[in-house]
Amino acid sequence: MFSVAQKREIADVLQKHLRSLGHPELPDDEVSFDLHIEGKESWSWADIRNNGEVPNPNVNPFNEMQSNRTGYPE
């Protein structure tokens, strides 16, 4: 559903927000998380993990093309 750049941006924002909470149970290094986003169609979804766990993400050409159509900067 999202391009690689969009997934990385979402993961960065979530990581920063989790860190800002200062919760004592969070690890000192990178916070590990899985985020699943449902789209409006049954086939439309995205799984987002923290960037440290996905150094070489799979690239879906359709998702990359869609982000360019929405004017999202790559």
C-alpha atoms as a PDB file:
ATOM      1  CA  MET A   1       0.000   0.000   0.000  1.00  0.00           C
ATOM      2  CA  PHE A   2       2.866   2.414   0.750  1.00  0.00           C
ATOM      3  CA  SER A   3       6.186   2.956  -0.997  1.00  0.00           C
ATOM      4  CA  VAL A   4       9.430   2.034   0.734  1.00  0.00           C
ATOM      5  CA  ALA A   5      10.090   5.718   1.485  1.00  0.00           C
ATOM      6  CA  GLN A   6       6.630   6.139   2.998  1.00  0.00           C
ATOM      7  CA  LYS A   7       7.042   3.012   5.158  1.00  0.00           C
ATOM      8  CA  ARG A   8      10.409   4.267   6.416  1.00  0.00           C
ATOM      9  CA  GLU A   9       8.921   7.675   7.249  1.00  0.00           C
ATOM     10  CA  ILE A  10       6.006   6.080   9.153  1.00  0.00           C
ATOM     11  CA  ALA A  11       8.435   3.830  11.055  1.00  0.00           C
ATOM     12  CA  ASP A  12      10.673   6.811  11.939  1.00  0.00           C
ATOM     13  CA  VAL A  13       7.745   8.859  13.240  1.00  0.00           C
ATOM     14  CA  LEU A  14       6.429   5.939  15.300  1.00  0.00           C
ATOM     15  CA  GLN A  15       9.896   5.195  16.702  1.00  0.00           C
ATOM     16  CA  LYS A  16      10.356   8.852  17.744  1.00  0.00           C
ATOM     17  CA  HIS A  17       6.926   8.970  19.359  1.00  0.00           C
ATOM     18  CA  LEU A  18       7.507   5.759  21.301  1.00  0.00           C
ATOM     19  CA  ARG A  19      10.871   7.113  22.516  1.00  0.00           C
ATOM     20  CA  SER A  20       9.260  10.411  23.587  1.00  0.00           C
ATOM     21  CA  LEU A  21       6.984   8.542  25.984  1.00  0.00           C
ATOM     22  CA  GLY A  22       9.991   7.639  28.124  1.00  0.00           C
ATOM     23  CA  HIS A  23       8.394   4.376  29.186  1.00  0.00           C
ATOM     24  CA  PRO A  24      10.732   2.380  31.458  1.00  0.00           C
ATOM     25  CA  GLU A  25       9.885  -0.958  29.796  1.00  0.00           C
ATOM     26  CA  LEU A  26      11.145   0.134  26.368  1.00  0.00           C
ATOM     27  CA  PRO A  27      14.611  -1.148  25.432  1.00  0.00           C
ATOM     28  CA  ASP A  28      17.531   1.285  25.345  1.00  0.00           C
ATOM     29  CA  ASP A  29      18.260   0.500  21.701  1.00  0.00           C
ATOM     30  CA  GLU A  30      15.799   0.473  18.819  1.00  0.00           C
ATOM     31  CA  VAL A  31      12.176  -0.276  19.659  1.00  0.00           C
ATOM     32  CA  SER A  32      10.893  -3.302  17.748  1.00  0.00           C
ATOM     33  CA  PHE A  33       7.326  -3.091  16.430  1.00  0.00           C
ATOM     34  CA  ASP A  34       4.966  -4.413  13.769  1.00  0.00           C
ATOM     35  CA  LEU A  35       2.203  -2.196  12.424  1.00  0.00           C
ATOM     36  CA  HIS A  36      -0.503  -3.616  10.161  1.00  0.00           C
ATOM     37  CA  ILE A  37      -2.640  -1.115   8.239  1.00  0.00           C
ATOM     38  CA  GLU A  38      -5.852  -2.184   6.518  1.00  0.00           C
ATOM     39  CA  GLY A  39      -6.813  -0.370   3.315  1.00  0.00           C
ATOM     40  CA  LYS A  40     -10.312   0.125   1.986  1.00  0.00           C
ATOM     41  CA  GLU A  41     -10.097  -2.982  -0.219  1.00  0.00           C
ATOM     42  CA  SER A  42      -9.459  -6.538   1.016  1.00  0.00           C
ATOM     43  CA  TRP A  43      -6.212  -6.677  -0.976  1.00  0.00           C
ATOM     44  CA  SER A  44      -5.074  -3.259   0.245  1.00  0.00           C
ATOM     45  CA  TRP A  45      -2.871  -3.455   3.335  1.00  0.00           C
ATOM     46  CA  ALA A  46       0.608  -2.632   4.601  1.00  0.00           C
ATOM     47  CA  ASP A  47       2.887  -4.165   7.206  1.00  0.00           C
ATOM     48  CA  ILE A  48       5.410  -1.752   8.668  1.00  0.00           C
ATOM     49  CA  ARG A  49       8.309  -2.734  10.918  1.00  0.00           C
ATOM     50  CA  ASN A  50      10.932  -0.647  12.588  1.00  0.00           C
ATOM     51  CA  ASN A  51      13.610   0.328  10.077  1.00  0.00           C
ATOM     52  CA  GLY A  52      16.368  -1.539  11.939  1.00  0.00           C
ATOM     53  CA  GLU A  53      14.655  -4.862  11.222  1.00  0.00           C
ATOM     54  CA  VAL A  54      14.198  -4.243   7.486  1.00  0.00           C
ATOM     55  CA  PRO A  55      17.525  -3.139   6.004  1.00  0.00           C
ATOM     56  CA  ASN A  56      16.604  -4.329   2.474  1.00  0.00           C
ATOM     57  CA  PRO A  57      12.824  -4.106   2.034  1.00  0.00           C
ATOM     58  CA  ASN A  58      10.934  -5.737  -0.799  1.00  0.00           C
ATOM     59  CA  VAL A  59      10.027  -3.179  -3.446  1.00  0.00           C
ATOM     60  CA  ASN A  60       6.565  -3.374  -4.959  1.00  0.00           C
ATOM     61  CA  PRO A  61       6.614  -1.377  -8.231  1.00  0.00           C
ATOM     62  CA  PHE A  62       2.860  -0.655  -7.981  1.00  0.00           C
ATOM     63  CA  ASN A  63       3.283   0.928  -4.530  1.00  0.00           C
ATOM     64  CA  GLU A  64       6.250   2.990  -5.704  1.00  0.00           C
ATOM     65  CA  MET A  65       4.248   4.212  -8.696  1.00  0.00           C
ATOM     66  CA  GLN A  66       1.249   5.135  -6.523  1.00  0.00           C
ATOM     67  CA  SER A  67       3.360   7.250  -4.178  1.00  0.00           C
ATOM     68  CA  ASN A  68       4.641   9.206  -7.174  1.00  0.00           C
ATOM     69  CA  ARG A  69       1.074   9.820  -8.352  1.00  0.00           C
ATOM     70  CA  THR A  70       0.088  11.257  -4.990  1.00  0.00           C
ATOM     71  CA  GLY A  71       2.956  13.737  -5.169  1.00  0.00           C
ATOM     72  CA  TYR A  72       4.765  12.120  -2.261  1.00  0.00           C
ATOM     73  CA  PRO A  73       8.459  12.986  -2.451  1.00  0.00           C
ATOM     74  CA  GLU A  74      10.775   9.993  -2.751  1.00  0.00           C
END
